[in-house]
Amino acid sequence: MAALTQAGYSVELASKLRTFDKTGDQAIQQGMRDNSEAEVARLIKRWSASPEEVPEAWFTYHVYHKAPDWIGPAICQYFDIPYYIAEASHAPKQLNGPWHMGYEGAEQAIRAADCVFHMTTLDGACLAPLIGPENRLVYLPPFLDVDPFLAAMDRTYDVGQAIEEAGGLKDRINLLSVAMMRSGDKMQSYRELGQNLARLKFDNWQLIVVGDGEKRQEVEGVLSVLGEKAVYLGTLQLGQLAAVYSASDLYVWPAAGEAYGMAFLEAQCCGLPVVAGHVRGVPDVVLDGETGLLAPEGDGAAFATYIDKLLYSSSRRSQMSEAARRFVVEERSMTHAVDILKSQLSVAK
């Protein structure tokens, strides 16, 4: 919404209805569909009574089998306006699964869109069969609002002191991980992180962990293999987080199941090179060999080897640091996203 506003459009959140079903429950999906139809009726009634308020286009974010859009296509057909989707994904394996209804709803919406903005190369390849030969599939890579992020840096936050107070040391190289402590993919990444870092040959390092959540105790358990090298800073404010990124030496995260990972962009924006898993959309936010190193998915030995390589070479880290900052500012910034949106939306501003 901020990018669309910066592009010169007037943006209104037309509906707060959420169609997300994480369990694959047919009854929940049918209820969401019924609620969507009621929402369509409400919006049609509202805008038919005030034609001057009819939007010039409808824009939906993140359409997939667990969160289909049953509203946008119906509204666009009724009022004859363009329909746009950003971050759609298509998973044919869900066709006969528990999200069958949501899968069909998402597929119909994607096919109906005038333009689909895909945020990862992988998603683009999966969406192409639904889009057809027309120029309706546009790459809009994940982006970060760079200026406010850097401007928020809390220079009064003494990172070294915070690390010491949490039991760490000032004279070690700081590996950094930033993530919520929850079940599923995040927990799996923490599990792999502990296993992989225990393989390191370089010794003068510590892992700074930023984040919290209901799995905090389990996270500490899987990272206990690192002993006193695991240092927990808990949840931080944006300015404090930016300061920690800037004061660290290397961002490390296996990225199990990650769609792409916004923390990778935040880290690189602050000049922090990355070692991660070559998973799904991670290559869209980390340039392998330039702004970081991506290990084959699930290859813990390679992950550890890549970290060792960068720990032993401060010059390589420095080169990647500059490349990372430049990459985010020039190719993954809000400004870059605004330019793409402006070039593709056929709506008067």
Protein backbone atom coordinates (compact mmCIF):
# COMPACT_ATOMS: atom_id res chain seq x y z
CA MET A 1 0.00 0.00 0.00
CA ALA A 2 2.87 2.35 0.76
CA ALA A 3 4.49 1.59 -2.61
CA LEU A 4 1.22 2.20 -4.46
CA THR A 5 0.78 5.47 -2.59
CA GLN A 6 4.31 6.56 -3.48
CA ALA A 7 3.53 5.66 -7.08
CA GLY A 8 0.83 8.32 -6.97
CA TYR A 9 -2.29 6.26 -6.44
CA SER A 10 -5.00 6.79 -3.85
CA VAL A 11 -5.25 3.51 -1.95
CA GLU A 12 -8.18 2.31 0.16
CA LEU A 13 -8.39 -0.93 2.11
CA ALA A 14 -11.75 -2.02 0.73
CA SER A 15 -12.21 -5.14 2.85
CA LYS A 16 -10.72 -6.56 6.03
CA LEU A 17 -12.10 -10.03 5.41
CA ARG A 18 -9.38 -12.67 5.78
CA THR A 19 -9.84 -15.96 3.92
CA PHE A 20 -6.80 -17.75 5.38
CA ASP A 21 -7.37 -21.38 6.40
CA LYS A 22 -4.27 -23.03 7.85
CA THR A 23 -5.88 -26.39 8.62
CA GLY A 24 -7.37 -27.50 5.31
CA ASP A 25 -10.90 -27.60 6.77
CA GLN A 26 -13.62 -27.68 4.08
CA ALA A 27 -16.18 -26.17 6.44
CA ILE A 28 -13.89 -23.23 7.18
CA GLN A 29 -13.26 -22.69 3.48
CA GLN A 30 -16.97 -22.80 2.68
CA GLY A 31 -17.60 -20.30 5.46
CA MET A 32 -14.92 -18.02 4.05
CA ARG A 33 -16.47 -18.29 0.61
CA ASP A 34 -19.92 -17.45 1.98
CA ASN A 35 -18.46 -14.47 3.85
CA SER A 36 -16.74 -13.35 0.67
CA GLU A 37 -20.01 -13.43 -1.26
CA ALA A 38 -21.62 -11.32 1.46
CA GLU A 39 -18.70 -8.90 1.22
CA VAL A 40 -19.13 -8.66 -2.54
CA ALA A 41 -22.81 -7.84 -2.07
CA ARG A 42 -21.94 -5.17 0.52
CA LEU A 43 -19.37 -3.47 -1.71
CA ILE A 44 -21.58 -3.57 -4.80
CA LYS A 45 -24.42 -1.99 -2.82
CA ARG A 46 -22.10 0.67 -1.39
CA TRP A 47 -20.48 1.67 -4.67
CA SER A 48 -23.67 1.41 -6.73
CA ALA A 49 -25.22 4.00 -4.41
CA SER A 50 -22.14 6.25 -4.82
CA PRO A 51 -20.80 5.75 -8.36
CA GLU A 52 -18.16 8.42 -7.83
CA GLU A 53 -16.52 6.14 -5.24
CA VAL A 54 -16.19 3.11 -7.53
CA PRO A 55 -12.47 2.22 -7.60
CA GLU A 56 -10.54 2.35 -10.86
CA ALA A 57 -8.88 -1.00 -10.09
CA TRP A 58 -8.76 -3.77 -7.50
CA PHE A 59 -5.44 -4.94 -6.07
CA THR A 60 -5.15 -8.12 -3.97
CA TYR A 61 -2.02 -9.23 -2.13
CA HIS A 62 -0.96 -12.87 -1.65
CA VAL A 63 -3.43 -15.19 -3.37
CA TYR A 64 -2.85 -18.93 -2.95
CA HIS A 65 -4.69 -22.10 -1.98
CA LYS A 66 -4.80 -21.27 1.74
CA ALA A 67 -6.01 -17.71 1.08
CA PRO A 68 -8.04 -17.44 -2.15
CA ASP A 69 -9.65 -14.23 -3.37
CA TRP A 70 -13.35 -14.67 -3.99
CA ILE A 71 -14.02 -10.92 -3.77
CA GLY A 72 -11.77 -9.14 -6.26
CA PRO A 73 -12.76 -10.98 -9.45
CA ALA A 74 -16.48 -10.55 -8.74
CA ILE A 75 -16.11 -6.82 -8.03
CA CYS A 76 -14.00 -6.27 -11.13
CA GLN A 77 -16.45 -8.13 -13.34
CA TYR A 78 -19.42 -6.19 -11.97
CA PHE A 79 -17.85 -2.74 -12.33
CA ASP A 80 -15.67 -3.58 -15.34
CA ILE A 81 -12.38 -2.50 -13.74
CA PRO A 82 -8.87 -4.02 -13.91
CA TYR A 83 -7.88 -6.73 -11.43
CA TYR A 84 -4.30 -7.00 -10.13
CA ILE A 85 -2.63 -9.55 -7.86
CA ALA A 86 0.74 -9.38 -6.11
CA GLU A 87 2.53 -12.43 -4.65
CA ALA A 88 0.30 -15.11 -6.08
CA SER A 89 1.42 -18.72 -5.98
CA HIS A 90 0.11 -21.86 -7.62
CA ALA A 91 0.64 -25.37 -6.28
CA PRO A 92 -0.94 -28.04 -8.54
CA LYS A 93 -0.33 -30.73 -5.89
CA GLN A 94 -3.14 -29.11 -3.86
CA LEU A 95 -5.75 -29.83 -6.55
CA ASN A 96 -7.16 -32.90 -4.79
CA GLY A 97 -5.97 -32.09 -1.29
CA PRO A 98 -7.73 -30.63 1.77
CA TRP A 99 -7.48 -27.10 0.31
CA HIS A 100 -9.25 -28.12 -2.91
CA MET A 101 -11.85 -25.36 -2.63
CA GLY A 102 -9.24 -22.71 -1.87
CA TYR A 103 -7.04 -24.02 -4.67
CA GLU A 104 -9.85 -23.62 -7.21
CA GLY A 105 -10.68 -20.14 -5.90
CA ALA A 106 -7.07 -19.03 -6.15
CA GLU A 107 -6.65 -20.50 -9.64
CA GLN A 108 -9.78 -18.76 -10.91
CA ALA A 109 -8.61 -15.44 -9.46
CA ILE A 110 -5.13 -15.77 -10.98
CA ARG A 111 -6.59 -16.59 -14.40
CA ALA A 112 -8.89 -13.57 -14.15
CA ALA A 113 -6.14 -11.08 -13.30
CA ASP A 114 -5.11 -8.40 -15.78
CA CYS A 115 -1.61 -8.55 -14.29
CA VAL A 116 0.02 -10.85 -11.74
CA PHE A 117 3.12 -9.59 -9.92
CA HIS A 118 5.23 -12.56 -8.82
CA MET A 119 7.88 -11.97 -6.17
CA THR A 120 10.11 -14.99 -6.72
CA THR A 121 11.48 -16.71 -9.81
CA LEU A 122 10.06 -20.01 -8.57
CA ASP A 123 6.55 -18.58 -8.24
CA GLY A 124 6.83 -17.13 -11.74
CA ALA A 125 7.60 -20.53 -13.22
CA CYS A 126 4.63 -22.12 -11.43
CA LEU A 127 2.26 -19.31 -12.45
CA ALA A 128 3.23 -19.17 -16.13
CA PRO A 129 0.92 -22.01 -17.24
CA LEU A 130 -2.09 -20.14 -15.81
CA ILE A 131 -1.21 -16.75 -17.26
CA GLY A 132 -0.74 -17.57 -20.93
CA PRO A 133 1.50 -15.82 -23.47
CA GLU A 134 0.23 -12.31 -22.75
CA ASN A 135 2.47 -9.93 -20.81
CA ARG A 136 0.40 -10.39 -17.66
CA LEU A 137 3.12 -11.93 -15.48
CA VAL A 138 5.51 -9.34 -14.03
CA TYR A 139 8.49 -9.87 -11.72
CA LEU A 140 8.18 -7.65 -8.64
CA PRO A 141 10.93 -8.89 -6.31
CA PRO A 142 10.59 -8.49 -2.52
CA PHE A 143 11.49 -4.95 -1.50
CA LEU A 144 12.34 -2.90 1.57
CA ASP A 145 11.58 0.70 2.46
CA VAL A 146 15.27 1.50 2.92
CA ASP A 147 15.31 5.10 4.12
CA PRO A 148 12.96 4.80 7.12
CA PHE A 149 14.70 1.57 8.14
CA LEU A 150 18.13 3.19 8.26
CA ALA A 151 16.80 6.45 9.69
CA ALA A 152 15.29 4.49 12.58
CA MET A 153 18.69 3.21 13.71
CA ASP A 154 19.00 3.83 17.45
CA ARG A 155 22.53 5.15 17.85
CA THR A 156 22.04 5.34 21.62
CA TYR A 157 21.65 1.55 21.76
CA ASP A 158 25.02 0.15 22.81
CA VAL A 159 25.12 -3.19 21.00
CA GLY A 160 28.36 -4.27 22.66
CA GLN A 161 26.98 -3.59 26.12
CA ALA A 162 23.73 -5.41 25.30
CA ILE A 163 25.72 -8.43 24.16
CA GLU A 164 27.83 -8.41 27.31
CA GLU A 165 24.77 -8.10 29.52
CA ALA A 166 23.31 -11.13 27.72
CA GLY A 167 26.43 -13.15 28.48
CA GLY A 168 28.38 -12.59 25.27
CA LEU A 169 31.81 -11.13 24.62
CA LYS A 170 32.85 -7.95 22.80
CA ASP A 171 35.92 -9.35 21.05
CA ARG A 172 34.22 -12.12 19.05
CA ILE A 173 32.95 -12.13 15.49
CA ASN A 174 29.18 -11.80 15.64
CA LEU A 175 27.01 -14.16 13.65
CA LEU A 176 23.42 -12.95 13.67
CA SER A 177 20.02 -14.62 13.30
CA VAL A 178 16.71 -12.75 13.51
CA ALA A 179 13.51 -14.79 13.63
CA MET A 180 10.37 -15.51 15.59
CA MET A 181 10.51 -18.52 17.86
CA ARG A 182 7.53 -20.53 16.70
CA SER A 183 6.77 -24.05 15.54
CA GLY A 184 7.10 -25.23 11.96
CA ASP A 185 9.71 -23.89 9.57
CA LYS A 186 11.19 -21.39 12.04
CA MET A 187 11.80 -24.11 14.59
CA GLN A 188 13.33 -26.31 11.92
CA SER A 189 15.72 -23.53 10.94
CA TYR A 190 16.79 -23.06 14.56
CA ARG A 191 17.33 -26.81 14.81
CA GLU A 192 19.49 -26.86 11.68
CA LEU A 193 21.31 -23.73 12.82
CA GLY A 194 22.47 -25.39 16.02
CA GLN A 195 23.59 -28.53 14.20
CA ASN A 196 25.41 -26.63 11.47
CA LEU A 197 27.21 -24.08 13.64
CA ALA A 198 28.51 -26.88 15.82
CA ARG A 199 30.50 -28.02 12.76
CA LEU A 200 32.49 -24.76 12.43
CA LYS A 201 36.27 -24.99 12.50
CA PHE A 202 36.75 -21.27 13.14
CA ASP A 203 36.38 -20.69 16.86
CA ASN A 204 36.31 -16.97 17.66
CA TRP A 205 32.62 -16.34 17.06
CA GLN A 206 29.31 -16.11 18.85
CA LEU A 207 25.73 -16.32 17.65
CA ILE A 208 23.53 -13.32 18.41
CA VAL A 209 19.88 -14.37 18.41
CA VAL A 210 17.19 -11.71 18.09
CA GLY A 211 13.59 -12.81 18.53
CA ASP A 212 11.21 -14.44 20.95
CA GLY A 213 8.06 -16.52 21.01
CA GLU A 214 6.27 -19.50 22.48
CA LYS A 215 9.09 -21.85 21.43
CA ARG A 216 11.82 -19.89 23.25
CA GLN A 217 12.64 -22.78 25.57
CA GLU A 218 12.86 -25.25 22.68
CA VAL A 219 15.05 -22.87 20.69
CA GLU A 220 17.44 -22.56 23.60
CA GLY A 221 17.41 -26.35 23.81
CA VAL A 222 18.42 -26.96 20.18
CA LEU A 223 21.07 -24.20 20.39
CA SER A 224 22.46 -25.50 23.68
CA VAL A 225 24.99 -27.47 21.62
CA LEU A 226 26.70 -24.09 21.06
CA GLY A 227 27.14 -23.52 24.79
CA GLU A 228 28.00 -19.96 25.78
CA LYS A 229 28.40 -18.98 22.13
CA ALA A 230 24.61 -18.54 21.86
CA VAL A 231 23.62 -15.05 23.05
CA TYR A 232 19.96 -14.01 23.26
CA LEU A 233 18.90 -10.37 22.91
CA GLY A 234 15.16 -11.04 22.82
CA THR A 235 12.72 -8.81 20.96
CA LEU A 236 14.11 -5.46 19.81
CA GLN A 237 12.61 -2.24 18.55
CA LEU A 238 13.27 -1.36 14.89
CA GLY A 239 16.01 1.13 15.74
CA GLN A 240 17.76 -1.32 18.03
CA LEU A 241 17.49 -4.07 15.42
CA ALA A 242 19.04 -1.87 12.74
CA ALA A 243 21.91 -1.13 15.12
CA VAL A 244 22.47 -4.85 15.75
CA TYR A 245 22.48 -5.59 12.01
CA SER A 246 25.09 -2.87 11.48
CA ALA A 247 27.28 -4.07 14.36
CA SER A 248 27.30 -7.73 13.28
CA ASP A 249 29.67 -9.48 10.90
CA LEU A 250 27.60 -12.17 9.17
CA TYR A 251 23.92 -13.05 8.93
CA VAL A 252 23.25 -16.80 9.14
CA TRP A 253 19.96 -18.62 8.65
CA PRO A 254 19.19 -22.03 7.04
CA ALA A 255 15.82 -20.68 5.78
CA ALA A 256 13.97 -24.01 6.02
CA GLY A 257 10.71 -23.59 4.10
CA GLU A 258 11.17 -19.81 3.72
CA ALA A 259 9.22 -18.12 0.92
CA TYR A 260 12.12 -15.65 0.71
CA GLY A 261 12.75 -13.92 4.05
CA MET A 262 12.54 -10.15 4.62
CA ALA A 263 15.25 -10.29 7.30
CA PHE A 264 17.77 -11.06 4.54
CA LEU A 265 16.96 -7.72 2.91
CA GLU A 266 17.14 -5.88 6.24
CA ALA A 267 20.53 -7.40 7.01
CA GLN A 268 21.98 -6.59 3.60
CA CYS A 269 20.57 -3.07 3.72
CA CYS A 270 22.77 -2.57 6.78
CA GLY A 271 25.80 -4.03 4.98
CA LEU A 272 25.61 -7.52 6.45
CA PRO A 273 26.60 -10.41 4.16
CA VAL A 274 24.50 -13.58 4.34
CA VAL A 275 24.98 -17.33 4.54
CA ALA A 276 21.68 -19.14 3.98
CA GLY A 277 20.07 -22.15 2.41
CA HIS A 278 19.33 -22.11 -1.32
CA VAL A 279 15.62 -22.46 -0.62
CA ARG A 280 12.62 -21.39 -2.71
CA GLY A 281 12.77 -17.57 -3.06
CA VAL A 282 15.94 -16.96 -1.05
CA PRO A 283 18.01 -16.51 -4.27
CA ASP A 284 15.67 -13.62 -5.14
CA VAL A 285 16.80 -11.69 -2.04
CA VAL A 286 20.42 -12.89 -1.68
CA LEU A 287 22.78 -12.90 -4.67
CA ASP A 288 24.79 -16.09 -4.35
CA GLY A 289 28.52 -15.35 -4.54
CA GLU A 290 27.99 -11.57 -4.47
CA THR A 291 26.04 -10.55 -1.37
CA GLY A 292 26.29 -13.89 0.38
CA LEU A 293 26.69 -17.63 -0.04
CA LEU A 294 23.79 -20.04 -0.47
CA ALA A 295 24.27 -23.67 0.53
CA PRO A 296 22.25 -26.47 -1.13
CA GLU A 297 18.99 -26.98 0.74
CA GLY A 298 19.50 -29.27 3.73
CA ASP A 299 23.28 -29.50 3.25
CA GLY A 300 24.50 -28.66 6.74
CA ALA A 301 28.14 -29.41 5.93
CA ALA A 302 28.16 -26.93 3.05
CA PHE A 303 26.37 -24.34 5.20
CA ALA A 304 29.08 -24.63 7.86
CA THR A 305 31.87 -24.59 5.27
CA TYR A 306 30.55 -21.36 3.74
CA ILE A 307 30.45 -19.69 7.14
CA ASP A 308 34.00 -20.83 7.88
CA LYS A 309 35.17 -19.39 4.55
CA LEU A 310 33.78 -15.96 5.37
CA LEU A 311 34.90 -16.06 8.99
CA TYR A 312 38.48 -16.63 7.83
CA SER A 313 38.31 -13.82 5.23
CA SER A 314 37.50 -10.36 6.52
CA SER A 315 38.29 -8.94 3.06
CA ARG A 316 35.67 -11.18 1.43
CA ARG A 317 33.12 -10.15 4.04
CA SER A 318 33.95 -6.51 3.38
CA GLN A 319 33.43 -6.92 -0.37
CA MET A 320 30.14 -8.67 0.17
CA SER A 321 29.09 -6.03 2.67
CA GLU A 322 29.38 -3.26 0.09
CA ALA A 323 27.70 -5.39 -2.58
CA ALA A 324 24.84 -6.26 -0.22
CA ARG A 325 24.10 -2.65 0.68
CA ARG A 326 24.26 -1.59 -2.97
CA PHE A 327 22.04 -4.47 -4.09
CA VAL A 328 19.23 -3.63 -1.68
CA VAL A 329 19.37 0.12 -2.28
CA GLU A 330 19.47 -0.19 -6.07
CA GLU A 331 17.45 -3.33 -6.78
CA ARG A 332 15.29 -4.18 -3.76
CA SER A 333 14.21 -0.76 -2.51
CA MET A 334 10.76 0.78 -2.33
CA THR A 335 11.79 3.15 -5.14
CA HIS A 336 12.53 0.21 -7.44
CA ALA A 337 9.18 -1.39 -6.63
CA VAL A 338 7.36 1.90 -7.25
CA ASP A 339 8.90 2.15 -10.72
CA ILE A 340 7.71 -1.37 -11.60
CA LEU A 341 4.18 -0.72 -10.36
CA LYS A 342 3.91 2.58 -12.23
CA SER A 343 5.00 0.91 -15.45
CA GLN A 344 2.38 -1.85 -15.23
CA LEU A 345 -0.81 -0.37 -13.74
CA SER A 346 -3.12 1.04 -16.39
CA VAL A 347 -4.96 3.28 -13.94
CA ALA A 348 -5.13 7.06 -13.97
CA LYS A 349 -3.39 8.65 -10.99
